[in-house]
Amino acid sequence: MIQRYRFLDEKDALPLLERIGDMTPEKHGVDGQVYLIGEYAVVHTNRLKLRNVVFRDDGLVFFDDVIDRLARLYGEGVQAMPILGYCYDPGSADGEGYIIQRRAKGEELYDDALLCRFEEWTQDEEENQPPIGAAVKDYLLERTRFVSDIPQAHFDRFVHDIRAILGREILIDFQGKSNFFYHEAEGFQFIDLNAHVDSFYDAQIERADVDAWTAVGSFVPCHFAPGTEAFAPTALADRAMQAFDEAQRERLAQDNLRIFEKCLTALHRSGVAEGSIETALGRIKIYGQ
């Protein structure tokens, strides 16, 4: 097992790894599990040698560079949760090991495990699922109302941080709303940052347009409607939304429009090119509009 604890003493790292043997993961992802211990998050993964799934990084040179960039961003006040260290089995095919990082405060922007019951990409599976219960419906209504009440200043900072992270060529996964946390004092925080944008690895890929990506990604706190070009898999499906009565759908739509307006205001204040904003608006369809 190779151990590299970049911003964490080994004497602090080893007890964390020992503890997770008796723990149940807090979250399960496609390629790993997450354990939460105090101020730390420990991620067990079997893809540590892969950047953005497809790019090989067998010596983890690229991963080390991501860690350095995240540390600099965090030191500048950007809420990109830093990676403190890792260990892995060099003989494993794609890199089985553990990542230790600073734990985000607050809660997920939305819990994807609940939200997915309403999204387009799950609707074929929904035929075999039990009816959407009151607790899941209440979660969507109450969480959307909560997000709509977040202060404008935190949305402004969110867009600023998106632009800063992308400006350092760090990839943000905007498809999962669980990749963002919110805390009433800290504001929005970013997790699951473990790769550069694709053009960093392949010169044949056009360099990422930071303003274009920022303009689209800044609307991730919103719910999208069927027919949206960006975020199409996560649009709220018409069939699923029939679980709500008309008054509930209207409430959800109005709260979502408040979120949209705050995202749009933040973008206009951010310095992102107006042309990029207009292009982004043409690629999204907001639920309730």
Protein backbone atom coordinates (compact mmCIF):
# COMPACT_ATOMS: atom_id res chain seq x y z
CA MET A 1 0.00 0.00 0.00
CA ILE A 2 1.45 3.36 -1.08
CA GLN A 3 0.63 6.19 1.32
CA ARG A 4 0.83 9.90 0.48
CA TYR A 5 -0.54 12.19 3.14
CA ARG A 6 0.07 15.59 1.62
CA PHE A 7 -1.65 17.87 4.13
CA LEU A 8 -2.24 15.46 7.01
CA ASP A 9 0.09 13.78 9.48
CA GLU A 10 0.32 10.00 9.15
CA LYS A 11 -0.42 9.68 12.86
CA ASP A 12 -3.79 11.35 12.19
CA ALA A 13 -4.53 9.47 8.97
CA LEU A 14 -4.01 5.89 10.16
CA PRO A 15 -6.63 5.97 12.95
CA LEU A 16 -9.19 7.20 10.41
CA LEU A 17 -8.49 4.25 8.14
CA GLU A 18 -8.66 1.85 11.09
CA ARG A 19 -12.02 3.19 12.23
CA ILE A 20 -13.85 2.71 8.96
CA GLY A 21 -13.47 -1.07 9.27
CA ASP A 22 -16.25 -1.03 11.85
CA MET A 23 -18.37 1.63 10.17
CA THR A 24 -21.24 1.62 7.70
CA PRO A 25 -20.70 3.99 4.76
CA GLU A 26 -22.66 7.21 4.93
CA LYS A 27 -22.98 7.35 1.14
CA HIS A 28 -22.55 4.95 -1.76
CA GLY A 29 -21.38 6.12 -5.17
CA VAL A 30 -20.79 4.47 -8.54
CA ASP A 31 -17.23 3.53 -7.68
CA GLY A 32 -16.92 3.87 -3.92
CA GLN A 33 -18.25 4.59 -0.46
CA VAL A 34 -17.96 7.61 1.82
CA TYR A 35 -17.30 7.48 5.56
CA LEU A 36 -17.70 10.61 7.68
CA ILE A 37 -15.51 10.97 10.78
CA GLY A 38 -15.51 14.31 12.55
CA GLU A 39 -14.03 16.95 10.25
CA TYR A 40 -12.92 14.36 7.70
CA ALA A 41 -14.49 12.43 4.84
CA VAL A 42 -12.81 9.14 3.90
CA VAL A 43 -13.65 7.86 0.42
CA HIS A 44 -13.04 4.25 -0.54
CA THR A 45 -12.60 4.00 -4.30
CA ASN A 46 -11.50 1.47 -6.89
CA ARG A 47 -10.73 4.10 -9.56
CA LEU A 48 -7.95 6.15 -8.05
CA LYS A 49 -5.80 5.65 -11.16
CA LEU A 50 -8.50 7.06 -13.45
CA ARG A 51 -9.18 10.73 -14.07
CA ASN A 52 -12.73 11.45 -15.20
CA VAL A 53 -13.25 7.69 -15.71
CA VAL A 54 -11.29 7.34 -18.98
CA PHE A 55 -7.86 8.96 -18.59
CA ARG A 56 -5.11 6.77 -17.09
CA ASP A 57 -3.05 8.20 -14.24
CA ASP A 58 -1.13 5.17 -13.05
CA GLY A 59 1.50 7.13 -11.12
CA LEU A 60 -1.11 9.58 -9.80
CA VAL A 61 0.95 12.50 -11.11
CA PHE A 62 -2.20 14.19 -12.39
CA PHE A 63 -4.03 13.47 -9.13
CA ASP A 64 -1.22 15.09 -7.15
CA ASP A 65 -1.54 18.15 -9.36
CA VAL A 66 -5.31 18.29 -8.67
CA ILE A 67 -4.56 18.15 -4.94
CA ASP A 68 -2.12 21.06 -5.22
CA ARG A 69 -4.59 23.15 -7.19
CA LEU A 70 -7.40 22.48 -4.71
CA ALA A 71 -5.12 23.46 -1.82
CA ARG A 72 -4.32 26.77 -3.50
CA LEU A 73 -7.97 27.45 -4.26
CA TYR A 74 -9.01 26.68 -0.68
CA GLY A 75 -6.25 28.94 0.60
CA GLU A 76 -7.69 31.74 -1.55
CA GLY A 77 -11.12 31.32 0.05
CA VAL A 78 -12.74 29.20 -2.67
CA GLN A 79 -14.98 26.56 -1.11
CA ALA A 80 -13.44 23.61 -2.98
CA MET A 81 -12.99 20.92 -0.33
CA PRO A 82 -9.28 20.03 -0.27
CA ILE A 83 -7.88 16.51 -0.51
CA LEU A 84 -5.51 15.93 2.40
CA GLY A 85 -3.97 12.63 1.39
CA TYR A 86 -4.53 9.14 0.07
CA CYS A 87 -3.29 5.58 0.04
CA TYR A 88 -3.75 2.89 -2.58
CA ASP A 89 -2.72 -0.53 -3.82
CA PRO A 90 -0.38 0.07 -6.79
CA GLY A 91 -1.03 -3.45 -8.05
CA SER A 92 -4.78 -3.00 -8.34
CA ALA A 93 -6.11 -2.56 -11.87
CA ASP A 94 -7.63 0.92 -11.58
CA GLY A 95 -6.36 1.94 -8.17
CA GLU A 96 -8.17 0.64 -5.11
CA GLY A 97 -7.55 2.84 -2.12
CA TYR A 98 -8.72 5.61 0.17
CA ILE A 99 -8.88 9.38 -0.17
CA ILE A 100 -8.98 11.56 2.95
CA GLN A 101 -10.36 15.05 2.53
CA ARG A 102 -11.82 17.87 4.52
CA ARG A 103 -15.49 17.27 5.21
CA ALA A 104 -17.97 19.76 3.79
CA LYS A 105 -20.23 21.45 6.30
CA GLY A 106 -24.00 21.46 6.19
CA GLU A 107 -26.01 19.22 3.90
CA GLU A 108 -26.08 18.26 0.26
CA LEU A 109 -27.69 20.85 -1.99
CA TYR A 110 -30.15 18.06 -2.79
CA ASP A 111 -29.99 14.37 -1.96
CA ASP A 112 -29.70 12.72 -5.39
CA ALA A 113 -30.89 9.41 -3.96
CA LEU A 114 -34.27 11.04 -3.26
CA LEU A 115 -34.38 13.54 -6.07
CA CYS A 116 -33.79 10.89 -8.73
CA ARG A 117 -37.29 9.47 -8.18
CA PHE A 118 -38.59 12.54 -10.05
CA GLU A 119 -35.97 12.78 -12.80
CA GLU A 120 -36.22 11.77 -16.44
CA TRP A 121 -33.32 9.30 -16.37
CA THR A 122 -35.04 7.02 -13.82
CA GLN A 123 -38.54 6.88 -15.29
CA ASP A 124 -38.15 3.49 -16.99
CA GLU A 125 -37.19 2.10 -13.60
CA GLU A 126 -40.07 3.90 -11.87
CA GLU A 127 -42.55 1.40 -13.31
CA ASN A 128 -41.07 -1.18 -10.95
CA GLN A 129 -40.77 1.17 -7.97
CA PRO A 130 -43.31 1.65 -5.17
CA PRO A 131 -45.40 4.83 -5.41
CA ILE A 132 -43.61 8.03 -4.45
CA GLY A 133 -44.40 8.48 -0.78
CA ALA A 134 -45.30 11.58 1.20
CA ALA A 135 -41.85 11.82 2.82
CA VAL A 136 -40.08 11.99 -0.55
CA LYS A 137 -42.55 14.56 -1.89
CA ASP A 138 -42.19 16.64 1.27
CA TYR A 139 -38.42 16.52 0.92
CA LEU A 140 -38.52 18.00 -2.59
CA LEU A 141 -40.97 20.72 -1.58
CA GLU A 142 -39.22 21.69 1.65
CA ARG A 143 -35.68 21.51 0.30
CA THR A 144 -36.61 23.62 -2.71
CA ARG A 145 -38.18 26.21 -0.42
CA PHE A 146 -35.01 26.17 1.71
CA VAL A 147 -32.74 26.71 -1.32
CA SER A 148 -34.99 29.52 -2.57
CA ASP A 149 -34.41 31.33 0.74
CA ILE A 150 -30.59 31.19 0.54
CA PRO A 151 -29.21 34.76 0.57
CA GLN A 152 -28.25 36.29 -2.76
CA ALA A 153 -24.71 36.85 -1.47
CA HIS A 154 -24.19 33.10 -1.22
CA PHE A 155 -25.36 32.61 -4.80
CA ASP A 156 -22.93 35.35 -5.85
CA ARG A 157 -20.09 33.51 -4.12
CA PHE A 158 -21.20 30.20 -5.63
CA VAL A 159 -20.85 31.53 -9.17
CA HIS A 160 -17.53 33.18 -8.30
CA ASP A 161 -16.20 29.87 -6.98
CA ILE A 162 -17.41 27.90 -10.01
CA ARG A 163 -15.52 30.27 -12.27
CA ALA A 164 -12.42 30.09 -10.07
CA ILE A 165 -12.38 26.27 -10.00
CA LEU A 166 -12.92 25.93 -13.75
CA GLY A 167 -10.32 28.63 -14.29
CA ARG A 168 -7.77 26.30 -12.65
CA GLU A 169 -8.83 23.54 -15.09
CA ILE A 170 -10.48 21.46 -12.36
CA LEU A 171 -13.54 19.52 -13.54
CA ILE A 172 -16.86 20.07 -11.73
CA ASP A 173 -19.52 17.36 -12.06
CA PHE A 174 -22.69 19.43 -12.46
CA GLN A 175 -24.93 16.42 -13.12
CA GLY A 176 -25.09 15.45 -9.45
CA LYS A 177 -26.65 17.96 -7.07
CA SER A 178 -25.12 15.94 -4.22
CA ASN A 179 -21.72 17.17 -5.39
CA PHE A 180 -22.54 20.51 -3.77
CA PHE A 181 -23.15 21.20 -0.09
CA TYR A 182 -24.72 24.17 1.60
CA HIS A 183 -24.11 25.56 5.08
CA GLU A 184 -25.82 28.69 6.37
CA ALA A 185 -22.52 30.23 7.48
CA GLU A 186 -20.09 28.77 4.92
CA GLY A 187 -22.38 28.97 1.88
CA PHE A 188 -22.02 26.56 -1.04
CA GLN A 189 -19.17 24.04 -0.99
CA PHE A 190 -17.84 21.74 -3.71
CA ILE A 191 -16.91 18.07 -3.33
CA ASP A 192 -15.91 15.24 -5.71
CA LEU A 193 -13.22 17.34 -7.37
CA ASN A 194 -10.63 14.78 -8.48
CA ALA A 195 -9.80 15.46 -12.13
CA HIS A 196 -8.84 18.18 -14.55
CA VAL A 197 -11.03 19.15 -17.49
CA ASP A 198 -10.59 16.74 -20.40
CA SER A 199 -8.52 19.14 -22.51
CA PHE A 200 -5.80 18.99 -19.84
CA TYR A 201 -5.16 15.35 -20.78
CA ASP A 202 -5.82 15.41 -24.51
CA ALA A 203 -4.53 18.25 -26.70
CA GLN A 204 -7.00 17.20 -29.41
CA ILE A 205 -9.90 18.25 -27.21
CA GLU A 206 -10.87 21.91 -27.47
CA ARG A 207 -9.85 23.89 -24.40
CA ALA A 208 -12.74 24.44 -22.01
CA ASP A 209 -14.48 27.81 -22.28
CA VAL A 210 -14.60 28.83 -18.63
CA ASP A 211 -17.35 31.43 -19.05
CA ALA A 212 -19.52 29.06 -21.10
CA TRP A 213 -19.19 26.27 -18.53
CA THR A 214 -19.74 28.67 -15.63
CA ALA A 215 -22.86 30.12 -17.23
CA VAL A 216 -24.50 26.71 -17.61
CA GLY A 217 -23.24 25.18 -14.38
CA SER A 218 -24.38 28.10 -12.25
CA PHE A 219 -27.99 27.00 -12.72
CA VAL A 220 -27.42 23.63 -11.02
CA PRO A 221 -29.42 24.70 -7.91
CA CYS A 222 -32.51 24.91 -10.17
CA HIS A 223 -34.90 22.17 -11.24
CA PHE A 224 -35.18 21.69 -14.99
CA ALA A 225 -38.15 20.90 -17.21
CA PRO A 226 -38.39 18.22 -19.91
CA GLY A 227 -36.97 19.54 -23.16
CA THR A 228 -33.97 21.20 -21.56
CA GLU A 229 -30.77 20.67 -23.54
CA ALA A 230 -28.37 21.02 -20.62
CA PHE A 231 -29.13 18.77 -17.63
CA ALA A 232 -31.63 16.75 -19.70
CA PRO A 233 -31.33 13.52 -17.64
CA THR A 234 -32.15 15.39 -14.41
CA ALA A 235 -35.23 17.23 -15.68
CA LEU A 236 -38.31 16.69 -13.52
CA ALA A 237 -40.43 14.20 -15.46
CA ASP A 238 -44.06 15.09 -16.15
CA ARG A 239 -45.21 11.63 -15.06
CA ALA A 240 -43.39 11.82 -11.73
CA MET A 241 -44.70 15.29 -10.99
CA GLN A 242 -48.26 13.97 -11.12
CA ALA A 243 -47.57 12.69 -7.60
CA PHE A 244 -48.13 16.30 -6.47
CA ASP A 245 -51.43 18.13 -6.50
CA GLU A 246 -51.82 21.37 -8.45
CA ALA A 247 -51.15 23.61 -5.46
CA GLN A 248 -47.94 21.74 -4.64
CA ARG A 249 -46.71 21.94 -8.23
CA GLU A 250 -47.40 25.68 -8.25
CA ARG A 251 -45.50 26.13 -4.99
CA LEU A 252 -42.56 24.16 -6.35
CA ALA A 253 -42.58 26.19 -9.57
CA GLN A 254 -42.61 29.54 -7.77
CA ASP A 255 -39.81 28.55 -5.40
CA ASN A 256 -37.78 27.24 -8.32
CA LEU A 257 -38.22 30.50 -10.21
CA ARG A 258 -36.85 32.38 -7.19
CA ILE A 259 -33.78 30.13 -7.30
CA PHE A 260 -33.42 30.76 -11.03
CA GLU A 261 -33.56 34.53 -10.58
CA LYS A 262 -30.88 34.40 -7.88
CA CYS A 263 -28.63 32.28 -10.09
CA LEU A 264 -29.15 34.66 -13.00
CA THR A 265 -28.49 37.74 -10.85
CA ALA A 266 -25.28 36.15 -9.57
CA LEU A 267 -24.14 35.44 -13.12
CA HIS A 268 -24.74 39.03 -14.23
CA ARG A 269 -22.68 40.24 -11.26
CA SER A 270 -19.85 37.73 -11.81
CA GLY A 271 -18.07 39.16 -14.81
CA VAL A 272 -19.04 36.21 -16.99
CA ALA A 273 -19.49 37.42 -20.59
CA GLU A 274 -23.09 38.38 -21.33
CA GLY A 275 -22.93 36.37 -24.56
CA SER A 276 -22.10 33.24 -22.58
CA ILE A 277 -25.06 33.89 -20.29
CA GLU A 278 -27.44 34.32 -23.22
CA THR A 279 -26.16 31.10 -24.81
CA ALA A 280 -26.65 29.24 -21.53
CA LEU A 281 -30.22 30.51 -21.21
CA GLY A 282 -30.91 29.06 -24.64
CA ARG A 283 -29.72 25.64 -23.46
CA ILE A 284 -31.84 25.34 -20.32
CA LYS A 285 -35.53 25.00 -19.67
CA ILE A 286 -36.47 25.83 -16.09
CA TYR A 287 -39.29 24.04 -14.30
CA GLY A 288 -42.12 26.50 -13.77
CA GLN A 289 -41.28 28.91 -16.60
